[in-house]
C-alpha atoms as a PDB file:
ATOM      1  CA  MET A   1      85.491  82.638 139.944  1.00  0.00           C
ATOM      2  CA  TRP A   2      83.036  84.130 137.425  1.00  0.00           C
ATOM      3  CA  GLN A   3      83.401  87.560 139.019  1.00  0.00           C
ATOM      4  CA  GLU A   4      87.201  87.316 138.818  1.00  0.00           C
ATOM      5  CA  PHE A   5      87.063  86.319 135.136  1.00  0.00           C
ATOM      6  CA  LYS A   6      84.580  89.093 134.422  1.00  0.00           C
ATOM      7  CA  SER A   7      86.818  91.697 136.049  1.00  0.00           C
ATOM      8  CA  PHE A   8      89.795  90.412 134.009  1.00  0.00           C
ATOM      9  CA  ALA A   9      87.997  90.135 130.679  1.00  0.00           C
ATOM     10  CA  PHE A  10      86.386  93.539 130.836  1.00  0.00           C
ATOM     11  CA  LYS A  11      89.266  95.349 132.491  1.00  0.00           C
ATOM     12  CA  GLY A  12      90.421  98.275 130.386  1.00  0.00           C
ATOM     13  CA  ASN A  13      93.647  96.752 129.026  1.00  0.00           C
ATOM     14  CA  ALA A  14      92.281  93.327 128.062  1.00  0.00           C
ATOM     15  CA  PHE A  15      89.169  94.762 126.458  1.00  0.00           C
ATOM     16  CA  ASP A  16      91.152  97.442 124.603  1.00  0.00           C
ATOM     17  CA  LEU A  17      93.529  94.781 123.314  1.00  0.00           C
ATOM     18  CA  ALA A  18      90.645  92.659 122.029  1.00  0.00           C
ATOM     19  CA  VAL A  19      89.127  95.641 120.234  1.00  0.00           C
ATOM     20  CA  GLY A  20      92.542  96.487 118.784  1.00  0.00           C
ATOM     21  CA  VAL A  21      93.022  92.971 117.428  1.00  0.00           C
ATOM     22  CA  ILE A  22      89.596  92.961 115.787  1.00  0.00           C
ATOM     23  CA  ILE A  23      90.125  96.385 114.221  1.00  0.00           C
ATOM     24  CA  GLY A  24      93.624  95.338 113.150  1.00  0.00           C
ATOM     25  CA  ALA A  25      92.245  92.284 111.344  1.00  0.00           C
ATOM     26  CA  ALA A  26      89.673  94.409 109.532  1.00  0.00           C
ATOM     27  CA  PHE A  27      92.330  97.003 108.708  1.00  0.00           C
ATOM     28  CA  GLY A  28      94.540  94.220 107.323  1.00  0.00           C
ATOM     29  CA  LYS A  29      91.790  93.195 104.910  1.00  0.00           C
ATOM     30  CA  ILE A  30      91.396  96.785 103.740  1.00  0.00           C
ATOM     31  CA  VAL A  31      95.135  97.120 103.149  1.00  0.00           C
ATOM     32  CA  GLN A  32      95.199  93.739 101.373  1.00  0.00           C
ATOM     33  CA  SER A  33      92.455  94.957  99.039  1.00  0.00           C
ATOM     34  CA  ILE A  34      94.255  98.255  98.407  1.00  0.00           C
ATOM     35  CA  VAL A  35      97.455  96.421  97.549  1.00  0.00           C
ATOM     36  CA  ASP A  36      95.875  93.648  95.458  1.00  0.00           C
ATOM     37  CA  ASP A  37      93.232  95.730  93.688  1.00  0.00           C
ATOM     38  CA  LEU A  38      94.794  99.188  93.387  1.00  0.00           C
ATOM     39  CA  ILE A  39      98.560  99.360  93.882  1.00  0.00           C
ATOM     40  CA  MET A  40      99.794  96.112  92.328  1.00  0.00           C
ATOM     41  CA  PRO A  41      97.800  96.572  89.080  1.00  0.00           C
ATOM     42  CA  ILE A  42      99.266 100.072  88.730  1.00  0.00           C
ATOM     43  CA  ILE A  43     102.776  98.753  89.369  1.00  0.00           C
ATOM     44  CA  GLY A  44     102.063  95.848  87.027  1.00  0.00           C
ATOM     45  CA  SER A  45     100.915  98.165  84.237  1.00  0.00           C
ATOM     46  CA  PHE A  46     104.495  99.359  83.813  1.00  0.00           C
ATOM     47  CA  GLY A  47     105.624  96.534  81.550  1.00  0.00           C
ATOM     48  CA  SER A  48     102.462  94.440  81.985  1.00  0.00           C
ATOM     49  CA  LEU A  49     103.741  92.755  85.147  1.00  0.00           C
ATOM     50  CA  ASP A  50     101.564  90.481  87.250  1.00  0.00           C
ATOM     51  CA  PHE A  51     103.375  89.850  90.503  1.00  0.00           C
ATOM     52  CA  ASN A  52     100.907  87.166  91.530  1.00  0.00           C
ATOM     53  CA  ASN A  53     102.205  84.913  88.770  1.00  0.00           C
ATOM     54  CA  TYR A  54     105.925  85.306  89.489  1.00  0.00           C
ATOM     55  CA  PHE A  55     107.255  81.976  90.695  1.00  0.00           C
ATOM     56  CA  PHE A  56     110.004  79.407  90.318  1.00  0.00           C
ATOM     57  CA  GLY A  57     109.074  75.791  89.893  1.00  0.00           C
ATOM     58  CA  LEU A  58     111.021  73.659  92.367  1.00  0.00           C
ATOM     59  CA  SER A  59     110.619  70.483  90.329  1.00  0.00           C
ATOM     60  CA  SER A  60     110.875  69.694  86.648  1.00  0.00           C
ATOM     61  CA  ALA A  61     107.168  68.765  86.564  1.00  0.00           C
ATOM     62  CA  VAL A  62     106.177  72.408  86.975  1.00  0.00           C
ATOM     63  CA  ASN A  63     105.729  74.031  83.559  1.00  0.00           C
ATOM     64  CA  ALA A  64     102.574  76.147  84.036  1.00  0.00           C
ATOM     65  CA  THR A  65     102.287  79.867  83.356  1.00  0.00           C
ATOM     66  CA  THR A  66     100.024  80.756  86.273  1.00  0.00           C
ATOM     67  CA  LEU A  67     100.737  80.277  89.944  1.00  0.00           C
ATOM     68  CA  ALA A  68      97.509  78.357  90.611  1.00  0.00           C
ATOM     69  CA  ALA A  69      98.252  75.847  87.864  1.00  0.00           C
ATOM     70  CA  ALA A  70     101.883  75.566  88.956  1.00  0.00           C
ATOM     71  CA  LYS A  71     100.890  74.774  92.535  1.00  0.00           C
ATOM     72  CA  ASP A  72      98.760  71.927  91.200  1.00  0.00           C
ATOM     73  CA  GLN A  73     101.770  70.520  89.310  1.00  0.00           C
ATOM     74  CA  GLY A  74     104.246  70.610  92.186  1.00  0.00           C
ATOM     75  CA  PRO A  75     106.172  72.741  94.655  1.00  0.00           C
ATOM     76  CA  VAL A  76     106.805  76.363  93.683  1.00  0.00           C
ATOM     77  CA  LEU A  77     108.627  79.332  95.143  1.00  0.00           C
ATOM     78  CA  ALA A  78     106.050  82.121  94.768  1.00  0.00           C
ATOM     79  CA  TYR A  79     108.217  85.210  95.075  1.00  0.00           C
ATOM     80  CA  GLY A  80     105.532  87.402  93.459  1.00  0.00           C
ATOM     81  CA  SER A  81     103.232  86.716  96.381  1.00  0.00           C
ATOM     82  CA  PHE A  82     106.097  87.677  98.671  1.00  0.00           C
ATOM     83  CA  ILE A  83     106.509  91.016  96.862  1.00  0.00           C
ATOM     84  CA  THR A  84     102.786  91.666  97.319  1.00  0.00           C
ATOM     85  CA  ALA A  85     103.003  90.780 101.035  1.00  0.00           C
ATOM     86  CA  LEU A  86     106.038  93.052 101.388  1.00  0.00           C
ATOM     87  CA  VAL A  87     104.158  95.991  99.860  1.00  0.00           C
ATOM     88  CA  ASN A  88     101.292  95.162 102.245  1.00  0.00           C
ATOM     89  CA  PHE A  89     103.645  95.263 105.213  1.00  0.00           C
ATOM     90  CA  LEU A  90     105.255  98.538 104.158  1.00  0.00           C
ATOM     91  CA  ILE A  91     101.871 100.231 103.853  1.00  0.00           C
ATOM     92  CA  VAL A  92     100.705  98.981 107.269  1.00  0.00           C
ATOM     93  CA  ALA A  93     104.043  99.889 108.889  1.00  0.00           C
ATOM     94  CA  PHE A  94     103.949 103.401 107.412  1.00  0.00           C
ATOM     95  CA  ILE A  95     100.375 103.996 108.573  1.00  0.00           C
ATOM     96  CA  LEU A  96     101.168 102.705 112.076  1.00  0.00           C
ATOM     97  CA  PHE A  97     104.271 104.905 112.178  1.00  0.00           C
ATOM     98  CA  GLN A  98     102.131 107.928 111.333  1.00  0.00           C
ATOM     99  CA  LEU A  99      99.576 106.976 114.012  1.00  0.00           C
ATOM    100  CA  VAL A 100     102.300 106.632 116.653  1.00  0.00           C
ATOM    101  CA  LYS A 101     103.763 109.995 115.621  1.00  0.00           C
ATOM    102  CA  VAL A 102     100.380 111.690 115.996  1.00  0.00           C
ATOM    103  CA  SER A 103      99.750 109.893 119.299  1.00  0.00           C
ATOM    104  CA  ASN A 104     103.131 110.971 120.683  1.00  0.00           C
ATOM    105  CA  ARG A 105     102.512 114.555 119.579  1.00  0.00           C
ATOM    106  CA  MET A 106      99.140 114.561 121.338  1.00  0.00           C
ATOM    107  CA  ARG A 107     100.634 113.075 124.515  1.00  0.00           C
ATOM    108  CA  LYS A 108     103.425 115.628 124.691  1.00  0.00           C
ATOM    109  CA  ALA A 109     103.208 117.119 128.149  1.00  0.00           C
ATOM    110  CA  GLU A 110     102.389 120.769 128.455  1.00  0.00           C
ATOM    111  CA  PRO A 111     104.913 122.773 130.447  1.00  0.00           C
ATOM    112  CA  PRO A 112     103.996 122.763 134.111  1.00  0.00           C
ATOM    113  CA  ALA A 113     102.089 125.749 135.367  1.00  0.00           C
ATOM    114  CA  PRO A 114     104.144 128.201 137.420  1.00  0.00           C
ATOM    115  CA  PRO A 115     103.682 127.779 141.143  1.00  0.00           C
ATOM    116  CA  PRO A 116     101.091 130.070 142.676  1.00  0.00           C
ATOM    117  CA  ALA A 117     102.293 133.309 144.228  1.00  0.00           C
ATOM    118  CA  PRO A 118     102.844 133.094 147.970  1.00  0.00           C
ATOM    119  CA  THR A 119     100.044 134.273 150.189  1.00  0.00           C
ATOM    120  CA  PRO A 120     100.572 137.342 152.401  1.00  0.00           C
ATOM    121  CA  SER A 121     101.070 135.130 155.460  1.00  0.00           C
ATOM    122  CA  GLU A 122     103.698 133.054 153.622  1.00  0.00           C
ATOM    123  CA  LYS A 123     105.505 136.278 152.631  1.00  0.00           C
ATOM    124  CA  LEU A 124     105.458 137.435 156.261  1.00  0.00           C
ATOM    125  CA  LEU A 125     106.801 134.071 157.468  1.00  0.00           C
ATOM    126  CA  GLY A 126     109.552 134.269 154.847  1.00  0.00           C
ATOM    127  CA  GLU A 127     110.549 137.730 156.057  1.00  0.00           C
ATOM    128  CA  ILE A 128     110.609 136.505 159.674  1.00  0.00           C
ATOM    129  CA  ARG A 129     112.789 133.555 158.635  1.00  0.00           C
ATOM    130  CA  ASP A 130     115.181 135.807 156.743  1.00  0.00           C
ATOM    131  CA  ALA A 131     115.411 138.202 159.737  1.00  0.00           C
ATOM    132  CA  LEU A 132     116.210 135.327 162.107  1.00  0.00           C
ATOM    133  CA  VAL A 133     118.884 134.014 159.747  1.00  0.00           C
ATOM    134  CA  LYS A 134     120.593 137.428 159.729  1.00  0.00           C
ATOM    135  CA  LYS A 135     120.881 137.494 163.548  1.00  0.00           C
END
């Protein structure tokens, strides 16, 4: 049973998938940092917007100005966090699209090589065949 599990776990596809998931999680953290620390502050600087603090209070008890304080007071609809997550998704989707494009370009099959020229004996056999067909 151990040998069967070992062959499954370290088979090319399962192992590649595990590596892909781990790299994907690390890549997600990098993109999250790019969005939170670089892109959203630049977007927010146009009109001093802070998307992290955009929310609707879902009860009358919510009267805070920051999302963290509002969540302590009651339920909130944090649409600013959604905007940030959407920007995150768009960046990841665009990068994956570019990777797939490059991968497909690299996989594009080269045109097949022309068949080799017939050998002298094959030419002779072809001539014999053609002569017999004419009779």
